[in-house]
Amino acid sequence: MARQRSIFSLILVILATFLISCSGPSVAVVPPTYTATQLEKIQTYVPDIQAVRDRSQELQQLIQKQDWINVGNFIHGPITEARLTLTYIIPNLLPKDQPTARQITRDFFNHLVKIDQAANAGNTQLALSNAKAAFADIDKFVQLLPETNIPSEAN
């Protein structure tokens, strides 16, 4: 009987060892966060985007005046640079935000194309509605950007 108990104990020890070795340690997955480098890169581009966003009234005034040459210059100049800036930021965003950011950038580009087409056709209403939509796209993109606590130099 003692011999059976020791064999039974040995089998239980082997079984317990096997089960413990098969189970891995539970690794808690850390939610993705921004690195200091990513935040720094993003923050270098934010003033450029904000500068173009602040000029939205300027574009609307040009459209209302039907100054189509300057509308085209504005679209192909500062706003196109802002679009490029948006594309530079996308790889530095969190992976879950990147598809949304790419879609917003595509929508932004499509609105710019429609503004340009409306300017070529002289269609003030179409140009104005797409200008508002383009700047709304910029606002959506800015909402995806991380909040940072970088102190301003004005202090």
N, C-alpha and C. Protein backbone atom coordinates (compact mmCIF):
# COMPACT_ATOMS: atom_id res chain seq x y z
N MET A 1 0.81 -1.18 0.00
CA MET A 1 0.00 0.00 0.00
C MET A 1 0.87 1.26 0.00
N ALA A 2 1.95 1.21 0.76
CA ALA A 2 2.84 2.36 0.81
C ALA A 2 3.49 2.59 -0.54
N ARG A 3 3.76 1.48 -1.21
CA ARG A 3 4.37 1.60 -2.52
C ARG A 3 3.39 2.26 -3.50
N GLN A 4 2.11 1.92 -3.45
CA GLN A 4 1.12 2.52 -4.34
C GLN A 4 0.97 4.02 -4.06
N ARG A 5 1.03 4.40 -2.78
CA ARG A 5 0.94 5.82 -2.44
C ARG A 5 2.12 6.59 -3.00
N SER A 6 3.29 6.06 -2.94
CA SER A 6 4.45 6.78 -3.45
C SER A 6 4.40 6.89 -4.97
N ILE A 7 3.93 5.84 -5.66
CA ILE A 7 3.79 5.90 -7.13
C ILE A 7 2.71 6.93 -7.49
N PHE A 8 1.60 6.88 -6.74
CA PHE A 8 0.53 7.85 -6.98
C PHE A 8 1.01 9.27 -6.73
N SER A 9 1.78 9.49 -5.70
CA SER A 9 2.35 10.81 -5.40
C SER A 9 3.30 11.25 -6.50
N LEU A 10 4.11 10.32 -6.98
CA LEU A 10 5.05 10.63 -8.06
C LEU A 10 4.31 11.04 -9.34
N ILE A 11 3.23 10.33 -9.65
CA ILE A 11 2.43 10.66 -10.83
C ILE A 11 1.81 12.06 -10.67
N LEU A 12 1.30 12.36 -9.49
CA LEU A 12 0.73 13.68 -9.24
C LEU A 12 1.79 14.78 -9.35
N VAL A 13 2.98 14.55 -8.87
CA VAL A 13 4.06 15.53 -8.97
C VAL A 13 4.43 15.76 -10.43
N ILE A 14 4.53 14.68 -11.19
CA ILE A 14 4.87 14.80 -12.62
C ILE A 14 3.75 15.55 -13.35
N LEU A 15 2.50 15.22 -13.06
CA LEU A 15 1.38 15.90 -13.70
C LEU A 15 1.36 17.38 -13.33
N ALA A 16 1.57 17.71 -12.07
CA ALA A 16 1.58 19.11 -11.64
C ALA A 16 2.73 19.87 -12.30
N THR A 17 3.89 19.24 -12.36
CA THR A 17 5.04 19.88 -13.01
C THR A 17 4.76 20.14 -14.48
N PHE A 18 4.15 19.16 -15.15
CA PHE A 18 3.82 19.32 -16.56
C PHE A 18 2.83 20.44 -16.79
N LEU A 19 1.79 20.49 -15.97
CA LEU A 19 0.77 21.53 -16.12
C LEU A 19 1.33 22.92 -15.84
N ILE A 20 2.18 23.02 -14.84
CA ILE A 20 2.78 24.32 -14.52
C ILE A 20 3.73 24.76 -15.62
N SER A 21 4.47 23.82 -16.18
CA SER A 21 5.43 24.20 -17.23
C SER A 21 4.73 24.59 -18.53
N CYS A 22 3.55 24.04 -18.77
CA CYS A 22 2.82 24.38 -19.99
C CYS A 22 2.16 25.75 -19.93
N SER A 23 1.81 26.15 -18.74
CA SER A 23 1.18 27.46 -18.64
C SER A 23 2.25 28.52 -18.53
N GLY A 24 2.11 29.54 -19.32
CA GLY A 24 3.08 30.63 -19.30
C GLY A 24 2.68 31.67 -18.29
N PRO A 25 3.61 32.52 -17.95
CA PRO A 25 3.25 33.60 -17.02
C PRO A 25 2.28 34.55 -17.72
N SER A 26 1.32 35.01 -16.96
CA SER A 26 0.37 35.93 -17.56
C SER A 26 1.04 37.30 -17.70
N VAL A 27 1.22 37.69 -18.94
CA VAL A 27 1.89 38.96 -19.23
C VAL A 27 0.82 40.01 -19.47
N ALA A 28 0.86 41.04 -18.68
CA ALA A 28 -0.10 42.13 -18.86
C ALA A 28 0.37 42.97 -20.04
N VAL A 29 -0.52 43.16 -21.00
CA VAL A 29 -0.20 43.95 -22.17
C VAL A 29 -0.37 45.42 -21.83
N VAL A 30 0.69 46.15 -22.00
CA VAL A 30 0.66 47.57 -21.70
C VAL A 30 -0.01 48.28 -22.88
N PRO A 31 -0.97 49.15 -22.61
CA PRO A 31 -1.59 49.87 -23.73
C PRO A 31 -0.54 50.75 -24.41
N PRO A 32 -0.65 50.86 -25.73
CA PRO A 32 0.34 51.65 -26.45
C PRO A 32 0.31 53.11 -26.02
N THR A 33 1.48 53.66 -25.89
CA THR A 33 1.60 55.07 -25.53
C THR A 33 2.62 55.71 -26.45
N TYR A 34 2.65 57.02 -26.41
CA TYR A 34 3.60 57.75 -27.23
C TYR A 34 4.96 57.81 -26.54
N THR A 35 5.99 57.68 -27.35
CA THR A 35 7.34 57.87 -26.82
C THR A 35 7.66 59.36 -26.83
N ALA A 36 8.69 59.72 -26.12
CA ALA A 36 9.09 61.13 -26.09
C ALA A 36 9.49 61.60 -27.49
N THR A 37 10.11 60.73 -28.26
CA THR A 37 10.51 61.09 -29.63
C THR A 37 9.30 61.35 -30.51
N GLN A 38 8.29 60.49 -30.40
CA GLN A 38 7.07 60.69 -31.19
C GLN A 38 6.39 62.00 -30.82
N LEU A 39 6.28 62.25 -29.52
CA LEU A 39 5.65 63.50 -29.08
C LEU A 39 6.42 64.71 -29.59
N GLU A 40 7.72 64.62 -29.57
CA GLU A 40 8.55 65.73 -30.04
C GLU A 40 8.34 65.98 -31.53
N LYS A 41 8.31 64.90 -32.32
CA LYS A 41 8.09 65.04 -33.76
C LYS A 41 6.71 65.63 -34.06
N ILE A 42 5.71 65.12 -33.35
CA ILE A 42 4.35 65.62 -33.57
C ILE A 42 4.27 67.10 -33.22
N GLN A 43 4.86 67.47 -32.10
CA GLN A 43 4.77 68.86 -31.65
C GLN A 43 5.53 69.82 -32.55
N THR A 44 6.51 69.34 -33.31
CA THR A 44 7.20 70.24 -34.24
C THR A 44 6.30 70.61 -35.41
N TYR A 45 5.33 69.75 -35.73
CA TYR A 45 4.45 70.00 -36.87
C TYR A 45 3.17 70.74 -36.49
N VAL A 46 2.78 70.69 -35.24
CA VAL A 46 1.51 71.29 -34.82
C VAL A 46 1.41 72.78 -35.14
N PRO A 47 2.45 73.59 -34.90
CA PRO A 47 2.31 75.02 -35.22
C PRO A 47 2.03 75.29 -36.71
N ASP A 48 2.59 74.47 -37.60
CA ASP A 48 2.34 74.65 -39.03
C ASP A 48 0.87 74.38 -39.36
N ILE A 49 0.33 73.35 -38.76
CA ILE A 49 -1.08 73.02 -39.01
C ILE A 49 -1.97 74.11 -38.43
N GLN A 50 -1.66 74.56 -37.23
CA GLN A 50 -2.47 75.59 -36.58
C GLN A 50 -2.40 76.91 -37.35
N ALA A 51 -1.25 77.21 -37.93
CA ALA A 51 -1.11 78.45 -38.69
C ALA A 51 -2.04 78.44 -39.90
N VAL A 52 -2.12 77.31 -40.58
CA VAL A 52 -3.03 77.21 -41.73
C VAL A 52 -4.47 77.22 -41.26
N ARG A 53 -4.74 76.56 -40.16
CA ARG A 53 -6.11 76.53 -39.62
C ARG A 53 -6.57 77.94 -39.26
N ASP A 54 -5.66 78.74 -38.74
CA ASP A 54 -6.01 80.11 -38.35
C ASP A 54 -6.27 81.01 -39.56
N ARG A 55 -5.86 80.56 -40.73
CA ARG A 55 -6.06 81.37 -41.95
C ARG A 55 -7.33 80.97 -42.71
N SER A 56 -8.22 80.24 -42.08
CA SER A 56 -9.43 79.78 -42.76
C SER A 56 -10.28 80.95 -43.25
N GLN A 57 -10.35 82.01 -42.47
CA GLN A 57 -11.14 83.18 -42.87
C GLN A 57 -10.55 83.83 -44.12
N GLU A 58 -9.26 83.80 -44.23
CA GLU A 58 -8.60 84.38 -45.40
C GLU A 58 -9.04 83.67 -46.68
N LEU A 59 -9.08 82.35 -46.64
CA LEU A 59 -9.52 81.59 -47.82
C LEU A 59 -10.98 81.88 -48.12
N GLN A 60 -11.82 81.93 -47.11
CA GLN A 60 -13.23 82.20 -47.35
C GLN A 60 -13.45 83.59 -47.94
N GLN A 61 -12.67 84.56 -47.50
CA GLN A 61 -12.78 85.91 -48.08
C GLN A 61 -12.34 85.92 -49.53
N LEU A 62 -11.29 85.20 -49.85
CA LEU A 62 -10.83 85.13 -51.24
C LEU A 62 -11.90 84.49 -52.13
N ILE A 63 -12.56 83.46 -51.61
CA ILE A 63 -13.61 82.80 -52.39
C ILE A 63 -14.80 83.75 -52.57
N GLN A 64 -15.20 84.44 -51.51
CA GLN A 64 -16.33 85.36 -51.62
C GLN A 64 -16.04 86.51 -52.58
N LYS A 65 -14.79 86.94 -52.64
CA LYS A 65 -14.40 87.99 -53.58
C LYS A 65 -14.23 87.45 -55.00
N GLN A 66 -14.31 86.14 -55.12
CA GLN A 66 -14.09 85.45 -56.39
C GLN A 66 -12.71 85.76 -56.96
N ASP A 67 -11.74 85.82 -56.08
CA ASP A 67 -10.34 86.03 -56.45
C ASP A 67 -9.73 84.64 -56.68
N TRP A 68 -10.10 84.04 -57.80
CA TRP A 68 -9.79 82.64 -58.05
C TRP A 68 -8.30 82.36 -58.18
N ILE A 69 -7.54 83.31 -58.66
CA ILE A 69 -6.09 83.10 -58.78
C ILE A 69 -5.47 82.95 -57.40
N ASN A 70 -5.84 83.84 -56.48
CA ASN A 70 -5.29 83.74 -55.13
C ASN A 70 -5.87 82.55 -54.36
N VAL A 71 -7.09 82.16 -54.68
CA VAL A 71 -7.65 80.94 -54.08
C VAL A 71 -6.77 79.76 -54.50
N GLY A 72 -6.45 79.68 -55.77
CA GLY A 72 -5.59 78.60 -56.26
C GLY A 72 -4.21 78.65 -55.63
N ASN A 73 -3.67 79.86 -55.50
CA ASN A 73 -2.36 80.00 -54.87
C ASN A 73 -2.41 79.55 -53.41
N PHE A 74 -3.46 79.89 -52.73
CA PHE A 74 -3.61 79.51 -51.33
C PHE A 74 -3.73 77.99 -51.18
N ILE A 75 -4.50 77.39 -52.07
CA ILE A 75 -4.69 75.94 -52.02
C ILE A 75 -3.40 75.21 -52.36
N HIS A 76 -2.72 75.67 -53.38
CA HIS A 76 -1.51 74.98 -53.82
C HIS A 76 -0.28 75.35 -52.99
N GLY A 77 -0.41 76.36 -52.15
CA GLY A 77 0.70 76.79 -51.31
C GLY A 77 0.55 76.31 -49.88
N PRO A 78 0.06 77.19 -48.99
CA PRO A 78 0.02 76.85 -47.56
C PRO A 78 -0.83 75.63 -47.21
N ILE A 79 -1.96 75.48 -47.89
CA ILE A 79 -2.83 74.35 -47.53
C ILE A 79 -2.22 73.02 -47.98
N THR A 80 -1.58 73.00 -49.12
CA THR A 80 -0.93 71.77 -49.56
C THR A 80 0.23 71.43 -48.64
N GLU A 81 0.94 72.43 -48.15
CA GLU A 81 2.01 72.17 -47.18
C GLU A 81 1.42 71.59 -45.89
N ALA A 82 0.26 72.08 -45.49
CA ALA A 82 -0.40 71.54 -44.30
C ALA A 82 -0.77 70.07 -44.53
N ARG A 83 -1.21 69.75 -45.73
CA ARG A 83 -1.54 68.36 -46.05
C ARG A 83 -0.31 67.48 -45.94
N LEU A 84 0.82 67.96 -46.45
CA LEU A 84 2.06 67.20 -46.32
C LEU A 84 2.43 67.02 -44.85
N THR A 85 2.24 68.06 -44.07
CA THR A 85 2.55 67.99 -42.65
C THR A 85 1.69 66.93 -41.98
N LEU A 86 0.42 66.84 -42.36
CA LEU A 86 -0.45 65.82 -41.80
C LEU A 86 0.09 64.43 -42.12
N THR A 87 0.57 64.23 -43.34
CA THR A 87 1.10 62.92 -43.71
C THR A 87 2.40 62.61 -42.98
N TYR A 88 3.16 63.63 -42.60
CA TYR A 88 4.38 63.40 -41.83
C TYR A 88 4.04 62.97 -40.39
N ILE A 89 2.92 63.42 -39.89
CA ILE A 89 2.54 63.10 -38.51
C ILE A 89 2.00 61.68 -38.39
N ILE A 90 1.31 61.20 -39.39
CA ILE A 90 0.60 59.92 -39.31
C ILE A 90 1.48 58.78 -38.79
N PRO A 91 2.71 58.57 -39.27
CA PRO A 91 3.49 57.44 -38.76
C PRO A 91 3.84 57.56 -37.27
N ASN A 92 3.75 58.75 -36.71
CA ASN A 92 4.08 58.95 -35.30
C ASN A 92 2.86 58.81 -34.39
N LEU A 93 1.69 58.60 -34.96
CA LEU A 93 0.49 58.40 -34.15
C LEU A 93 0.44 56.96 -33.67
N LEU A 94 -0.43 56.71 -32.69
CA LEU A 94 -0.63 55.34 -32.23
C LEU A 94 -1.18 54.50 -33.37
N PRO A 95 -0.82 53.22 -33.43
CA PRO A 95 -1.31 52.36 -34.53
C PRO A 95 -2.82 52.36 -34.68
N LYS A 96 -3.56 52.46 -33.58
CA LYS A 96 -5.03 52.45 -33.68
C LYS A 96 -5.57 53.73 -34.30
N ASP A 97 -4.82 54.83 -34.22
CA ASP A 97 -5.26 56.11 -34.77
C ASP A 97 -4.83 56.33 -36.21
N GLN A 98 -3.87 55.58 -36.69
CA GLN A 98 -3.33 55.81 -38.02
C GLN A 98 -4.34 55.62 -39.15
N PRO A 99 -5.17 54.57 -39.15
CA PRO A 99 -6.16 54.45 -40.24
C PRO A 99 -7.13 55.63 -40.29
N THR A 100 -7.58 56.08 -39.13
CA THR A 100 -8.49 57.23 -39.07
C THR A 100 -7.80 58.47 -39.60
N ALA A 101 -6.55 58.66 -39.21
CA ALA A 101 -5.79 59.83 -39.67
C ALA A 101 -5.59 59.79 -41.18
N ARG A 102 -5.31 58.61 -41.72
CA ARG A 102 -5.15 58.49 -43.18
C ARG A 102 -6.45 58.83 -43.90
N GLN A 103 -7.58 58.37 -43.36
CA GLN A 103 -8.87 58.67 -43.98
C GLN A 103 -9.18 60.16 -43.92
N ILE A 104 -8.88 60.79 -42.81
CA ILE A 104 -9.10 62.23 -42.68
C ILE A 104 -8.23 62.97 -43.69
N THR A 105 -7.00 62.54 -43.86
CA THR A 105 -6.10 63.18 -44.81
C THR A 105 -6.61 63.01 -46.24
N ARG A 106 -7.14 61.83 -46.55
CA ARG A 106 -7.72 61.61 -47.89
C ARG A 106 -8.92 62.52 -48.11
N ASP A 107 -9.78 62.61 -47.10
CA ASP A 107 -10.95 63.49 -47.21
C ASP A 107 -10.52 64.94 -47.40
N PHE A 108 -9.50 65.34 -46.65
CA PHE A 108 -8.96 66.70 -46.75
C PHE A 108 -8.48 66.97 -48.18
N PHE A 109 -7.74 66.02 -48.73
CA PHE A 109 -7.25 66.17 -50.11
C PHE A 109 -8.41 66.27 -51.10
N ASN A 110 -9.42 65.43 -50.92
CA ASN A 110 -10.58 65.47 -51.83
C ASN A 110 -11.29 66.81 -51.75
N HIS A 111 -11.38 67.39 -50.56
CA HIS A 111 -12.01 68.71 -50.43
C HIS A 111 -11.16 69.78 -51.11
N LEU A 112 -9.84 69.65 -51.02
CA LEU A 112 -8.98 70.62 -51.71
C LEU A 112 -9.15 70.54 -53.22
N VAL A 113 -9.26 69.32 -53.73
CA VAL A 113 -9.47 69.14 -55.17
C VAL A 113 -10.80 69.78 -55.58
N LYS A 114 -11.83 69.59 -54.78
CA LYS A 114 -13.14 70.16 -55.10
C LYS A 114 -13.13 71.69 -55.04
N ILE A 115 -12.35 72.23 -54.09
CA ILE A 115 -12.23 73.71 -54.04
C ILE A 115 -11.56 74.20 -55.31
N ASP A 116 -10.51 73.51 -55.73
CA ASP A 116 -9.78 73.91 -56.94
C ASP A 116 -10.68 73.80 -58.16
N GLN A 117 -11.45 72.73 -58.25
CA GLN A 117 -12.37 72.58 -59.38
C GLN A 117 -13.45 73.65 -59.36
N ALA A 118 -13.95 73.97 -58.19
CA ALA A 118 -14.97 75.02 -58.07
C ALA A 118 -14.37 76.37 -58.44
N ALA A 119 -13.11 76.60 -58.07
CA ALA A 119 -12.45 77.86 -58.42
C ALA A 119 -12.29 77.96 -59.94
N ASN A 120 -11.93 76.87 -60.57
CA ASN A 120 -11.80 76.88 -62.04
C ASN A 120 -13.14 77.10 -62.72
N ALA A 121 -14.22 76.62 -62.11
CA ALA A 121 -15.55 76.79 -62.68
C ALA A 121 -16.21 78.09 -62.23
N GLY A 122 -15.62 78.75 -61.25
CA GLY A 122 -16.20 79.99 -60.73
C GLY A 122 -17.41 79.76 -59.85
N ASN A 123 -17.49 78.61 -59.21
CA ASN A 123 -18.62 78.25 -58.37
C ASN A 123 -18.31 78.61 -56.91
N THR A 124 -18.80 79.75 -56.47
CA THR A 124 -18.50 80.26 -55.14
C THR A 124 -19.07 79.37 -54.05
N GLN A 125 -20.32 78.93 -54.17
CA GLN A 125 -20.96 78.13 -53.13
C GLN A 125 -20.27 76.79 -52.92
N LEU A 126 -19.92 76.13 -54.02
CA LEU A 126 -19.24 74.85 -53.92
C LEU A 126 -17.86 75.02 -53.29
N ALA A 127 -17.17 76.07 -53.66
CA ALA A 127 -15.85 76.34 -53.09
C ALA A 127 -15.95 76.63 -51.60
N LEU A 128 -16.94 77.43 -51.19
CA LEU A 128 -17.10 77.75 -49.77
C LEU A 128 -17.44 76.52 -48.94
N SER A 129 -18.35 75.70 -49.44
CA SER A 129 -18.74 74.51 -48.66
C SER A 129 -17.58 73.54 -48.52
N ASN A 130 -16.78 73.38 -49.57
CA ASN A 130 -15.64 72.49 -49.48
C ASN A 130 -14.51 73.08 -48.64
N ALA A 131 -14.39 74.41 -48.62
CA ALA A 131 -13.39 75.04 -47.76
C ALA A 131 -13.75 74.79 -46.30
N LYS A 132 -15.03 74.93 -45.96
CA LYS A 132 -15.45 74.66 -44.59
C LYS A 132 -15.19 73.19 -44.23
N ALA A 133 -15.49 72.30 -45.17
CA ALA A 133 -15.27 70.87 -44.92
C ALA A 133 -13.78 70.57 -44.76
N ALA A 134 -12.93 71.24 -45.55
CA ALA A 134 -11.48 71.01 -45.46
C ALA A 134 -10.96 71.43 -44.09
N PHE A 135 -11.42 72.57 -43.61
CA PHE A 135 -10.95 73.02 -42.30
C PHE A 135 -11.56 72.18 -41.18
N ALA A 136 -12.73 71.62 -41.40
CA ALA A 136 -13.30 70.67 -40.43
C ALA A 136 -12.45 69.41 -40.38
N ASP A 137 -11.91 69.00 -41.53
CA ASP A 137 -11.01 67.84 -41.56
C ASP A 137 -9.75 68.13 -40.75
N ILE A 138 -9.23 69.33 -40.87
CA ILE A 138 -8.05 69.69 -40.07
C ILE A 138 -8.39 69.61 -38.59
N ASP A 139 -9.56 70.09 -38.21
CA ASP A 139 -9.98 70.03 -36.80
C ASP A 139 -10.08 68.58 -36.32
N LYS A 140 -10.63 67.70 -37.15
CA LYS A 140 -10.74 66.29 -36.79
C LYS A 140 -9.35 65.68 -36.59
N PHE A 141 -8.43 66.05 -37.47
CA PHE A 141 -7.08 65.51 -37.37
C PHE A 141 -6.41 65.99 -36.09
N VAL A 142 -6.57 67.26 -35.78
CA VAL A 142 -5.95 67.81 -34.57
C VAL A 142 -6.49 67.12 -33.32
N GLN A 143 -7.74 66.69 -33.35
CA GLN A 143 -8.31 65.99 -32.20
C GLN A 143 -7.65 64.62 -31.98
N LEU A 144 -7.05 64.04 -33.02
CA LEU A 144 -6.35 62.77 -32.88
C LEU A 144 -4.99 62.93 -32.22
N LEU A 145 -4.46 64.14 -32.25
CA LEU A 145 -3.11 64.36 -31.73
C LEU A 145 -3.10 64.26 -30.22
N PRO A 146 -1.99 63.77 -29.66
CA PRO A 146 -1.91 63.62 -28.20
C PRO A 146 -1.77 64.97 -27.51
N GLU A 147 -2.29 65.02 -26.31
CA GLU A 147 -2.12 66.20 -25.48
C GLU A 147 -0.72 66.13 -24.87
N THR A 148 -0.03 67.24 -24.86
CA THR A 148 1.30 67.27 -24.24
C THR A 148 1.35 68.36 -23.21
N ASN A 149 2.22 68.18 -22.28
CA ASN A 149 2.39 69.15 -21.21
C ASN A 149 3.73 69.87 -21.37
N ILE A 150 4.05 70.25 -22.58
CA ILE A 150 5.29 70.94 -22.83
C ILE A 150 5.10 72.39 -22.41
N PRO A 151 5.93 72.91 -21.50
CA PRO A 151 5.76 74.29 -21.07
C PRO A 151 6.08 75.26 -22.20
N SER A 152 5.31 76.32 -22.26
CA SER A 152 5.53 77.31 -23.32
C SER A 152 6.70 78.21 -22.94
N GLU A 153 7.30 78.81 -23.95
CA GLU A 153 8.47 79.67 -23.73
C GLU A 153 8.07 81.04 -23.23
N ALA A 154 6.77 81.31 -23.18
CA ALA A 154 6.30 82.62 -22.75
C ALA A 154 6.42 82.79 -21.22
N ASN A 155 6.58 81.67 -20.51
CA ASN A 155 6.67 81.75 -19.04
C ASN A 155 7.90 82.41 -18.60
